[in-house]
Amino acid sequence: GGLTSWEWSFEGLRQALTGPAFFVAIAMIGVGGLARG
């Protein structure tokens, strides 16, 4: 699409930090609560 490899890297990072990272963080917080309990 005419983007450089750096632009693709930043786009991938931006998209990875939107949904997937949020849901993994929430899941790990829940697991931490279970471990503490």
All heavy atoms as atom14 arrays in JSON, in Angstrom:
{
  "sequence": "GGLTSWEWSFEGLRQALTGPAFFVAIAMIGVGGLARG",
  "atom14_mask": [
    [1, 1, 1, 1, 0, 0, 0, 0, 0, 0, 0, 0, 0, 0],
    [1, 1, 1, 1, 0, 0, 0, 0, 0, 0, 0, 0, 0, 0],
    [1, 1, 1, 1, 1, 1, 1, 1, 0, 0, 0, 0, 0, 0],
    [1, 1, 1, 1, 1, 1, 1, 0, 0, 0, 0, 0, 0, 0],
    [1, 1, 1, 1, 1, 1, 0, 0, 0, 0, 0, 0, 0, 0],
    [1, 1, 1, 1, 1, 1, 1, 1, 1, 1, 1, 1, 1, 1],
    [1, 1, 1, 1, 1, 1, 1, 1, 1, 0, 0, 0, 0, 0],
    [1, 1, 1, 1, 1, 1, 1, 1, 1, 1, 1, 1, 1, 1],
    [1, 1, 1, 1, 1, 1, 0, 0, 0, 0, 0, 0, 0, 0],
    [1, 1, 1, 1, 1, 1, 1, 1, 1, 1, 1, 0, 0, 0],
    [1, 1, 1, 1, 1, 1, 1, 1, 1, 0, 0, 0, 0, 0],
    [1, 1, 1, 1, 0, 0, 0, 0, 0, 0, 0, 0, 0, 0],
    [1, 1, 1, 1, 1, 1, 1, 1, 0, 0, 0, 0, 0, 0],
    [1, 1, 1, 1, 1, 1, 1, 1, 1, 1, 1, 0, 0, 0],
    [1, 1, 1, 1, 1, 1, 1, 1, 1, 0, 0, 0, 0, 0],
    [1, 1, 1, 1, 1, 0, 0, 0, 0, 0, 0, 0, 0, 0],
    [1, 1, 1, 1, 1, 1, 1, 1, 0, 0, 0, 0, 0, 0],
    [1, 1, 1, 1, 1, 1, 1, 0, 0, 0, 0, 0, 0, 0],
    [1, 1, 1, 1, 0, 0, 0, 0, 0, 0, 0, 0, 0, 0],
    [1, 1, 1, 1, 1, 1, 1, 0, 0, 0, 0, 0, 0, 0],
    [1, 1, 1, 1, 1, 0, 0, 0, 0, 0, 0, 0, 0, 0],
    [1, 1, 1, 1, 1, 1, 1, 1, 1, 1, 1, 0, 0, 0],
    [1, 1, 1, 1, 1, 1, 1, 1, 1, 1, 1, 0, 0, 0],
    [1, 1, 1, 1, 1, 1, 1, 0, 0, 0, 0, 0, 0, 0],
    [1, 1, 1, 1, 1, 0, 0, 0, 0, 0, 0, 0, 0, 0],
    [1, 1, 1, 1, 1, 1, 1, 1, 0, 0, 0, 0, 0, 0],
    [1, 1, 1, 1, 1, 0, 0, 0, 0, 0, 0, 0, 0, 0],
    [1, 1, 1, 1, 1, 1, 1, 1, 0, 0, 0, 0, 0, 0],
    [1, 1, 1, 1, 1, 1, 1, 1, 0, 0, 0, 0, 0, 0],
    [1, 1, 1, 1, 0, 0, 0, 0, 0, 0, 0, 0, 0, 0],
    [1, 1, 1, 1, 1, 1, 1, 0, 0, 0, 0, 0, 0, 0],
    [1, 1, 1, 1, 0, 0, 0, 0, 0, 0, 0, 0, 0, 0],
    [1, 1, 1, 1, 0, 0, 0, 0, 0, 0, 0, 0, 0, 0],
    [1, 1, 1, 1, 1, 1, 1, 1, 0, 0, 0, 0, 0, 0],
    [1, 1, 1, 1, 1, 0, 0, 0, 0, 0, 0, 0, 0, 0],
    [1, 1, 1, 1, 1, 1, 1, 1, 1, 1, 1, 0, 0, 0],
    [1, 1, 1, 1, 0, 0, 0, 0, 0, 0, 0, 0, 0, 0]
  ],
  "atom14_positions": [
    [[0.79, -1.22, 0.0], [0.0, 0.0, 0.0], [0.83, 1.27, 0.0], [0.33, 2.32, 0.36], [0.0, 0.0, 0.0], [0.0, 0.0, 0.0], [0.0, 0.0, 0.0], [0.0, 0.0, 0.0], [0.0, 0.0, 0.0], [0.0, 0.0, 0.0], [0.0, 0.0, 0.0], [0.0, 0.0, 0.0], [0.0, 0.0, 0.0], [0.0, 0.0, 0.0]],
    [[2.1, 1.16, -0.37], [2.94, 2.33, -0.43], [3.5, 2.78, 0.9], [4.19, 3.79, 0.97], [0.0, 0.0, 0.0], [0.0, 0.0, 0.0], [0.0, 0.0, 0.0], [0.0, 0.0, 0.0], [0.0, 0.0, 0.0], [0.0, 0.0, 0.0], [0.0, 0.0, 0.0], [0.0, 0.0, 0.0], [0.0, 0.0, 0.0], [0.0, 0.0, 0.0]],
    [[3.22, 2.07, 2.0], [3.76, 2.44, 3.3], [5.15, 1.84, 3.49], [5.44, 0.77, 2.97], [2.85, 1.96, 4.43], [1.44, 2.55, 4.49], [0.66, 1.91, 5.62], [1.49, 4.05, 4.65], [0.0, 0.0, 0.0], [0.0, 0.0, 0.0], [0.0, 0.0, 0.0], [0.0, 0.0, 0.0], [0.0, 0.0, 0.0], [0.0, 0.0, 0.0]],
    [[5.97, 2.53, 4.24], [7.29, 1.99, 4.54], [7.17, 0.94, 5.64], [6.13, 0.83, 6.31], [8.25, 3.1, 5.0], [7.77, 3.62, 6.24], [8.36, 4.21, 3.96], [0.0, 0.0, 0.0], [0.0, 0.0, 0.0], [0.0, 0.0, 0.0], [0.0, 0.0, 0.0], [0.0, 0.0, 0.0], [0.0, 0.0, 0.0], [0.0, 0.0, 0.0]],
    [[8.22, 0.19, 5.85], [8.18, -0.84, 6.88], [8.0, -0.21, 8.27], [7.34, -0.79, 9.13], [9.43, -1.7, 6.84], [10.59, -0.92, 7.04], [0.0, 0.0, 0.0], [0.0, 0.0, 0.0], [0.0, 0.0, 0.0], [0.0, 0.0, 0.0], [0.0, 0.0, 0.0], [0.0, 0.0, 0.0], [0.0, 0.0, 0.0], [0.0, 0.0, 0.0]],
    [[8.57, 0.99, 8.5], [8.39, 1.67, 9.78], [6.93, 2.07, 9.98], [6.39, 1.95, 11.07], [9.28, 2.9, 9.88], [10.7, 2.54, 10.21], [11.76, 2.53, 9.35], [11.21, 2.1, 11.46], [12.89, 2.12, 9.99], [12.58, 1.86, 11.3], [10.63, 1.89, 12.71], [13.38, 1.41, 12.34], [11.45, 1.45, 13.73], [12.79, 1.22, 13.54]],
    [[6.31, 2.56, 8.91], [4.89, 2.95, 9.02], [4.02, 1.74, 9.3], [3.08, 1.81, 10.1], [4.45, 3.66, 7.74], [5.07, 5.03, 7.57], [4.83, 5.63, 6.2], [4.74, 4.88, 5.21], [4.72, 6.86, 6.14], [0.0, 0.0, 0.0], [0.0, 0.0, 0.0], [0.0, 0.0, 0.0], [0.0, 0.0, 0.0], [0.0, 0.0, 0.0]],
    [[4.33, 0.6, 8.68], [3.58, -0.62, 8.96], [3.81, -1.08, 10.4], [2.9, -1.56, 11.07], [3.95, -1.74, 7.99], [3.21, -1.64, 6.7], [3.72, -1.33, 5.49], [1.81, -1.85, 6.49], [2.74, -1.32, 4.54], [1.55, -1.64, 5.13], [0.75, -2.19, 7.33], [0.28, -1.76, 4.58], [-0.51, -2.31, 6.78], [-0.74, -2.1, 5.43]],
    [[5.05, -0.93, 10.88], [5.35, -1.33, 12.25], [4.55, -0.5, 13.25], [3.97, -1.04, 14.2], [6.84, -1.18, 12.53], [7.59, -2.02, 11.71], [0.0, 0.0, 0.0], [0.0, 0.0, 0.0], [0.0, 0.0, 0.0], [0.0, 0.0, 0.0], [0.0, 0.0, 0.0], [0.0, 0.0, 0.0], [0.0, 0.0, 0.0], [0.0, 0.0, 0.0]],
    [[4.53, 0.81, 13.05], [3.76, 1.67, 13.95], [2.26, 1.41, 13.85], [1.55, 1.47, 14.85], [4.08, 3.14, 13.7], [5.42, 3.54, 14.22], [6.37, 4.06, 13.37], [5.76, 3.37, 15.56], [7.63, 4.41, 13.84], [7.0, 3.73, 16.04], [7.94, 4.25, 15.18], [0.0, 0.0, 0.0], [0.0, 0.0, 0.0], [0.0, 0.0, 0.0]],
    [[1.78, 1.12, 12.66], [0.35, 0.8, 12.5], [0.01, -0.5, 13.23], [-1.02, -0.6, 13.9], [0.0, 0.69, 11.02], [-1.44, 0.31, 10.75], [-2.46, 1.32, 11.23], [-2.09, 2.49, 11.49], [-3.64, 0.94, 11.36], [0.0, 0.0, 0.0], [0.0, 0.0, 0.0], [0.0, 0.0, 0.0], [0.0, 0.0, 0.0], [0.0, 0.0, 0.0]],
    [[0.88, -1.5, 13.12], [0.66, -2.75, 13.84], [0.69, -2.55, 15.34], [-0.13, -3.11, 16.07], [0.0, 0.0, 0.0], [0.0, 0.0, 0.0], [0.0, 0.0, 0.0], [0.0, 0.0, 0.0], [0.0, 0.0, 0.0], [0.0, 0.0, 0.0], [0.0, 0.0, 0.0], [0.0, 0.0, 0.0], [0.0, 0.0, 0.0], [0.0, 0.0, 0.0]],
    [[1.63, -1.74, 15.81], [1.71, -1.44, 17.24], [0.45, -0.72, 17.71], [-0.11, -1.04, 18.77], [2.95, -0.6, 17.52], [3.18, -0.19, 18.96], [3.45, -1.41, 19.82], [4.34, 0.77, 19.04], [0.0, 0.0, 0.0], [0.0, 0.0, 0.0], [0.0, 0.0, 0.0], [0.0, 0.0, 0.0], [0.0, 0.0, 0.0], [0.0, 0.0, 0.0]],
    [[-0.01, 0.24, 16.93], [-1.21, 0.99, 17.29], [-2.42, 0.06, 17.39], [-3.2, 0.12, 18.34], [-1.49, 2.08, 16.26], [-2.67, 2.98, 16.61], [-3.03, 3.91, 15.47], [-3.6, 3.23, 14.33], [-4.86, 2.78, 14.24], [-5.69, 2.94, 15.25], [-5.3, 2.18, 13.17], [0.0, 0.0, 0.0], [0.0, 0.0, 0.0], [0.0, 0.0, 0.0]],
    [[-2.56, -0.84, 16.43], [-3.71, -1.73, 16.45], [-3.61, -2.77, 17.55], [-4.62, -3.17, 18.13], [-3.87, -2.39, 15.08], [-4.36, -1.42, 14.04], [-4.69, -2.1, 12.72], [-4.89, -3.31, 12.68], [-4.77, -1.33, 11.67], [0.0, 0.0, 0.0], [0.0, 0.0, 0.0], [0.0, 0.0, 0.0], [0.0, 0.0, 0.0], [0.0, 0.0, 0.0]],
    [[-2.39, -3.23, 17.85], [-2.22, -4.22, 18.91], [-2.54, -3.64, 20.28], [-3.0, -4.35, 21.17], [-0.8, -4.77, 18.88], [0.0, 0.0, 0.0], [0.0, 0.0, 0.0], [0.0, 0.0, 0.0], [0.0, 0.0, 0.0], [0.0, 0.0, 0.0], [0.0, 0.0, 0.0], [0.0, 0.0, 0.0], [0.0, 0.0, 0.0], [0.0, 0.0, 0.0]],
    [[-2.29, -2.35, 20.45], [-2.52, -1.73, 21.75], [-3.97, -1.28, 21.95], [-4.3, -0.79, 23.02], [-1.58, -0.53, 21.94], [-0.12, -0.9, 22.1], [0.73, 0.34, 22.22], [0.09, -1.81, 23.29], [0.0, 0.0, 0.0], [0.0, 0.0, 0.0], [0.0, 0.0, 0.0], [0.0, 0.0, 0.0], [0.0, 0.0, 0.0], [0.0, 0.0, 0.0]],
    [[-4.82, -1.44, 20.96], [-6.2, -1.02, 21.15], [-7.0, -2.12, 21.83], [-7.24, -2.05, 23.03], [-6.84, -0.64, 19.8], [-6.67, -1.72, 18.88], [-6.21, 0.6, 19.23], [0.0, 0.0, 0.0], [0.0, 0.0, 0.0], [0.0, 0.0, 0.0], [0.0, 0.0, 0.0], [0.0, 0.0, 0.0], [0.0, 0.0, 0.0], [0.0, 0.0, 0.0]],
    [[-7.42, -3.14, 21.14], [-8.27, -4.17, 21.72], [-7.53, -5.27, 22.44], [-7.75, -5.52, 23.63], [0.0, 0.0, 0.0], [0.0, 0.0, 0.0], [0.0, 0.0, 0.0], [0.0, 0.0, 0.0], [0.0, 0.0, 0.0], [0.0, 0.0, 0.0], [0.0, 0.0, 0.0], [0.0, 0.0, 0.0], [0.0, 0.0, 0.0], [0.0, 0.0, 0.0]],
    [[-6.62, -5.98, 21.77], [-5.99, -7.15, 22.38], [-5.27, -6.85, 23.69], [-5.43, -7.57, 24.66], [-5.01, -7.64, 21.31], [-5.56, -7.12, 20.04], [-6.22, -5.82, 20.37], [0.0, 0.0, 0.0], [0.0, 0.0, 0.0], [0.0, 0.0, 0.0], [0.0, 0.0, 0.0], [0.0, 0.0, 0.0], [0.0, 0.0, 0.0], [0.0, 0.0, 0.0]],
    [[-4.48, -5.8, 23.73], [-3.73, -5.5, 24.96], [-4.68, -5.16, 26.1], [-4.43, -5.54, 27.25], [-2.77, -4.35, 24.7], [0.0, 0.0, 0.0], [0.0, 0.0, 0.0], [0.0, 0.0, 0.0], [0.0, 0.0, 0.0], [0.0, 0.0, 0.0], [0.0, 0.0, 0.0], [0.0, 0.0, 0.0], [0.0, 0.0, 0.0], [0.0, 0.0, 0.0]],
    [[-5.76, -4.48, 25.8], [-6.74, -4.12, 26.83], [-7.37, -5.38, 27.43], [-7.45, -5.52, 28.65], [-7.82, -3.22, 26.23], [-8.91, -2.86, 27.18], [-8.69, -1.96, 28.2], [-10.16, -3.44, 27.05], [-9.71, -1.64, 29.09], [-11.18, -3.12, 27.93], [-10.95, -2.22, 28.96], [0.0, 0.0, 0.0], [0.0, 0.0, 0.0], [0.0, 0.0, 0.0]],
    [[-7.78, -6.32, 26.59], [-8.44, -7.52, 27.09], [-7.48, -8.44, 27.83], [-7.85, -9.06, 28.84], [-9.14, -8.26, 25.95], [-10.29, -7.49, 25.39], [-10.3, -7.08, 24.07], [-11.36, -7.13, 26.19], [-11.36, -6.35, 23.56], [-12.43, -6.4, 25.69], [-12.42, -6.01, 24.37], [0.0, 0.0, 0.0], [0.0, 0.0, 0.0], [0.0, 0.0, 0.0]],
    [[-6.24, -8.53, 27.38], [-5.25, -9.33, 28.09], [-4.96, -8.71, 29.45], [-4.84, -9.43, 30.45], [-3.97, -9.5, 27.25], [-2.84, -10.1, 28.07], [-4.25, -10.37, 26.03], [0.0, 0.0, 0.0], [0.0, 0.0, 0.0], [0.0, 0.0, 0.0], [0.0, 0.0, 0.0], [0.0, 0.0, 0.0], [0.0, 0.0, 0.0], [0.0, 0.0, 0.0]],
    [[-4.86, -7.39, 29.5], [-4.59, -6.72, 30.78], [-5.73, -6.96, 31.76], [-5.48, -7.25, 32.94], [-4.39, -5.22, 30.55], [0.0, 0.0, 0.0], [0.0, 0.0, 0.0], [0.0, 0.0, 0.0], [0.0, 0.0, 0.0], [0.0, 0.0, 0.0], [0.0, 0.0, 0.0], [0.0, 0.0, 0.0], [0.0, 0.0, 0.0], [0.0, 0.0, 0.0]],
    [[-6.96, -6.87, 31.31], [-8.11, -7.12, 32.19], [-8.11, -8.57, 32.69], [-8.36, -8.83, 33.87], [-9.44, -6.79, 31.46], [-9.52, -5.29, 31.14], [-10.64, -7.25, 32.25], [-9.51, -4.39, 32.35], [0.0, 0.0, 0.0], [0.0, 0.0, 0.0], [0.0, 0.0, 0.0], [0.0, 0.0, 0.0], [0.0, 0.0, 0.0], [0.0, 0.0, 0.0]],
    [[-7.79, -9.51, 31.8], [-7.74, -10.92, 32.2], [-6.64, -11.16, 33.23], [-6.85, -11.89, 34.22], [-7.52, -11.81, 30.98], [0.0, 0.0, 0.0], [0.0, 0.0, 0.0], [0.0, 0.0, 0.0], [0.0, 0.0, 0.0], [0.0, 0.0, 0.0], [0.0, 0.0, 0.0], [0.0, 0.0, 0.0], [0.0, 0.0, 0.0], [0.0, 0.0, 0.0]],
    [[-5.49, -10.53, 33.05], [-4.39, -10.72, 33.99], [-4.69, -10.07, 35.34], [-4.27, -10.57, 36.39], [-3.08, -10.17, 33.42], [-2.54, -10.97, 32.26], [-2.1, -12.66, 32.73], [-3.28, -13.6, 31.78], [0.0, 0.0, 0.0], [0.0, 0.0, 0.0], [0.0, 0.0, 0.0], [0.0, 0.0, 0.0], [0.0, 0.0, 0.0], [0.0, 0.0, 0.0]],
    [[-5.44, -8.98, 35.35], [-5.86, -8.38, 36.61], [-6.78, -9.34, 37.36], [-6.66, -9.52, 38.57], [-6.55, -7.02, 36.37], [-5.51, -5.98, 35.94], [-7.3, -6.55, 37.61], [-6.1, -4.68, 35.46], [0.0, 0.0, 0.0], [0.0, 0.0, 0.0], [0.0, 0.0, 0.0], [0.0, 0.0, 0.0], [0.0, 0.0, 0.0], [0.0, 0.0, 0.0]],
    [[-7.68, -9.99, 36.64], [-8.56, -10.98, 37.25], [-7.79, -12.17, 37.81], [-8.08, -12.65, 38.91], [0.0, 0.0, 0.0], [0.0, 0.0, 0.0], [0.0, 0.0, 0.0], [0.0, 0.0, 0.0], [0.0, 0.0, 0.0], [0.0, 0.0, 0.0], [0.0, 0.0, 0.0], [0.0, 0.0, 0.0], [0.0, 0.0, 0.0], [0.0, 0.0, 0.0]],
    [[-6.8, -12.64, 37.07], [-5.98, -13.76, 37.55], [-5.19, -13.32, 38.78], [-5.03, -14.1, 39.74], [-5.05, -14.26, 36.42], [-3.98, -15.18, 36.95], [-5.86, -14.95, 35.35], [0.0, 0.0, 0.0], [0.0, 0.0, 0.0], [0.0, 0.0, 0.0], [0.0, 0.0, 0.0], [0.0, 0.0, 0.0], [0.0, 0.0, 0.0], [0.0, 0.0, 0.0]],
    [[-4.72, -12.09, 38.79], [-4.01, -11.57, 39.97], [-4.91, -11.54, 41.2], [-4.48, -11.85, 42.31], [0.0, 0.0, 0.0], [0.0, 0.0, 0.0], [0.0, 0.0, 0.0], [0.0, 0.0, 0.0], [0.0, 0.0, 0.0], [0.0, 0.0, 0.0], [0.0, 0.0, 0.0], [0.0, 0.0, 0.0], [0.0, 0.0, 0.0], [0.0, 0.0, 0.0]],
    [[-6.18, -11.18, 40.99], [-7.14, -11.2, 42.09], [-7.37, -12.6, 42.62], [-7.47, -12.81, 43.84], [0.0, 0.0, 0.0], [0.0, 0.0, 0.0], [0.0, 0.0, 0.0], [0.0, 0.0, 0.0], [0.0, 0.0, 0.0], [0.0, 0.0, 0.0], [0.0, 0.0, 0.0], [0.0, 0.0, 0.0], [0.0, 0.0, 0.0], [0.0, 0.0, 0.0]],
    [[-7.44, -13.57, 41.72], [-7.59, -14.98, 42.16], [-6.36, -15.43, 42.94], [-6.49, -16.13, 43.94], [-7.8, -15.89, 40.95], [-9.17, -15.85, 40.29], [-9.16, -16.65, 39.0], [-10.2, -16.41, 41.24], [0.0, 0.0, 0.0], [0.0, 0.0, 0.0], [0.0, 0.0, 0.0], [0.0, 0.0, 0.0], [0.0, 0.0, 0.0], [0.0, 0.0, 0.0]],
    [[-5.19, -15.06, 42.46], [-3.96, -15.46, 43.14], [-3.91, -14.86, 44.54], [-3.54, -15.53, 45.5], [-2.74, -15.02, 42.33], [0.0, 0.0, 0.0], [0.0, 0.0, 0.0], [0.0, 0.0, 0.0], [0.0, 0.0, 0.0], [0.0, 0.0, 0.0], [0.0, 0.0, 0.0], [0.0, 0.0, 0.0], [0.0, 0.0, 0.0], [0.0, 0.0, 0.0]],
    [[-4.31, -13.61, 44.64], [-4.31, -12.96, 45.96], [-5.35, -13.62, 46.88], [-5.11, -13.82, 48.06], [-4.6, -11.47, 45.81], [-4.48, -10.74, 47.09], [-4.67, -9.26, 46.89], [-4.55, -8.59, 48.15], [-3.68, -7.66, 48.41], [-2.85, -7.27, 47.48], [-3.63, -7.1, 49.59], [0.0, 0.0, 0.0], [0.0, 0.0, 0.0], [0.0, 0.0, 0.0]],
    [[-6.51, -13.95, 46.33], [-7.54, -14.62, 47.12], [-7.12, -16.01, 47.58], [-7.57, -16.49, 48.61], [0.0, 0.0, 0.0], [0.0, 0.0, 0.0], [0.0, 0.0, 0.0], [0.0, 0.0, 0.0], [0.0, 0.0, 0.0], [0.0, 0.0, 0.0], [0.0, 0.0, 0.0], [0.0, 0.0, 0.0], [0.0, 0.0, 0.0], [0.0, 0.0, 0.0]]
  ]
}
